[in-house]
């Protein structure tokens, strides 16, 4: 498993995507406003995702 870095785009929880803003020891803080349908999903702007629960899909 590749550990994400700041600026990576990750996918988690059945297709949600976001941009990594901060890398912690066991998790990353992700900006969800990257997704086109962010407003439709009524999610918080940021969330925390454990390193075990995402995959890196690109760079922002």
C-alpha atoms as a PDB file:
ATOM      1  CA  UNK A   1       0.000   0.000   0.000  1.00  0.00           C
ATOM      2  CA  UNK A   2       1.336   3.417  -0.971  1.00  0.00           C
ATOM      3  CA  UNK A   3       1.025   6.073   1.722  1.00  0.00           C
ATOM      4  CA  UNK A   4      -0.503   9.306   0.400  1.00  0.00           C
ATOM      5  CA  UNK A   5       1.330  12.620   0.334  1.00  0.00           C
ATOM      6  CA  UNK A   6      -0.008  16.183   0.413  1.00  0.00           C
ATOM      7  CA  UNK A   7      -1.612  16.949  -2.951  1.00  0.00           C
ATOM      8  CA  UNK A   8      -2.470  13.332  -3.834  1.00  0.00           C
ATOM      9  CA  UNK A   9      -5.995  12.463  -4.896  1.00  0.00           C
ATOM     10  CA  UNK A  10      -7.335   9.479  -2.990  1.00  0.00           C
ATOM     11  CA  UNK A  11     -10.420   7.307  -3.273  1.00  0.00           C
ATOM     12  CA  UNK A  12     -12.160   5.844  -0.230  1.00  0.00           C
ATOM     13  CA  UNK A  13     -15.551   4.708   1.082  1.00  0.00           C
ATOM     14  CA  UNK A  14     -17.144   3.339  -2.092  1.00  0.00           C
ATOM     15  CA  UNK A  15     -16.008   5.986  -4.557  1.00  0.00           C
ATOM     16  CA  UNK A  16     -15.608   9.194  -2.575  1.00  0.00           C
ATOM     17  CA  UNK A  17     -12.580  11.182  -3.679  1.00  0.00           C
ATOM     18  CA  UNK A  18     -10.598  14.040  -2.232  1.00  0.00           C
ATOM     19  CA  UNK A  19      -7.280  15.862  -2.118  1.00  0.00           C
ATOM     20  CA  UNK A  20      -4.908  15.137   0.772  1.00  0.00           C
ATOM     21  CA  UNK A  21      -4.238  18.298   2.793  1.00  0.00           C
ATOM     22  CA  UNK A  22      -2.263  16.844   5.698  1.00  0.00           C
ATOM     23  CA  UNK A  23      -0.601  13.517   6.457  1.00  0.00           C
ATOM     24  CA  UNK A  24      -0.701  12.282  10.059  1.00  0.00           C
ATOM     25  CA  UNK A  25       0.907   9.182  11.567  1.00  0.00           C
ATOM     26  CA  UNK A  26      -2.169   6.959  11.099  1.00  0.00           C
ATOM     27  CA  UNK A  27      -4.429   8.997   8.810  1.00  0.00           C
ATOM     28  CA  UNK A  28      -4.788  11.792   6.280  1.00  0.00           C
ATOM     29  CA  UNK A  29      -6.998  14.884   6.258  1.00  0.00           C
ATOM     30  CA  UNK A  30      -8.847  15.113   2.949  1.00  0.00           C
ATOM     31  CA  UNK A  31     -10.564  18.051   1.197  1.00  0.00           C
ATOM     32  CA  UNK A  32     -13.771  16.676  -0.347  1.00  0.00           C
ATOM     33  CA  UNK A  33     -14.617  19.787  -2.400  1.00  0.00           C
ATOM     34  CA  UNK A  34     -12.518  18.248  -5.211  1.00  0.00           C
ATOM     35  CA  UNK A  35     -15.526  16.119  -6.243  1.00  0.00           C
ATOM     36  CA  UNK A  36     -17.904  17.611  -8.816  1.00  0.00           C
ATOM     37  CA  UNK A  37     -20.947  16.409  -6.866  1.00  0.00           C
ATOM     38  CA  UNK A  38     -19.655  17.561  -3.455  1.00  0.00           C
ATOM     39  CA  UNK A  39     -22.610  19.905  -2.813  1.00  0.00           C
ATOM     40  CA  UNK A  40     -25.177  17.261  -3.824  1.00  0.00           C
ATOM     41  CA  UNK A  41     -23.792  14.775  -1.293  1.00  0.00           C
ATOM     42  CA  UNK A  42     -24.183  17.205   1.626  1.00  0.00           C
ATOM     43  CA  UNK A  43     -20.838  16.237   3.178  1.00  0.00           C
ATOM     44  CA  UNK A  44     -18.511  18.167   5.445  1.00  0.00           C
ATOM     45  CA  UNK A  45     -15.719  19.993   3.594  1.00  0.00           C
ATOM     46  CA  UNK A  46     -12.967  17.844   5.153  1.00  0.00           C
ATOM     47  CA  UNK A  47     -12.709  14.371   6.646  1.00  0.00           C
ATOM     48  CA  UNK A  48     -10.113  12.085   8.203  1.00  0.00           C
ATOM     49  CA  UNK A  49      -9.274   8.753   6.546  1.00  0.00           C
ATOM     50  CA  UNK A  50      -7.081   6.006   8.000  1.00  0.00           C
ATOM     51  CA  UNK A  51      -4.140   4.928   5.825  1.00  0.00           C
ATOM     52  CA  UNK A  52      -5.686   1.436   5.559  1.00  0.00           C
ATOM     53  CA  UNK A  53      -8.907   2.774   4.031  1.00  0.00           C
ATOM     54  CA  UNK A  54      -7.901   4.579   0.838  1.00  0.00           C
ATOM     55  CA  UNK A  55      -5.990   4.192  -2.391  1.00  0.00           C
ATOM     56  CA  UNK A  56      -3.978   6.869  -4.170  1.00  0.00           C
ATOM     57  CA  UNK A  57      -5.398   7.523  -7.654  1.00  0.00           C
ATOM     58  CA  UNK A  58      -3.533  10.623  -8.818  1.00  0.00           C
ATOM     59  CA  UNK A  59      -1.924  13.978  -8.127  1.00  0.00           C
ATOM     60  CA  UNK A  60      -3.787  17.295  -7.892  1.00  0.00           C
END
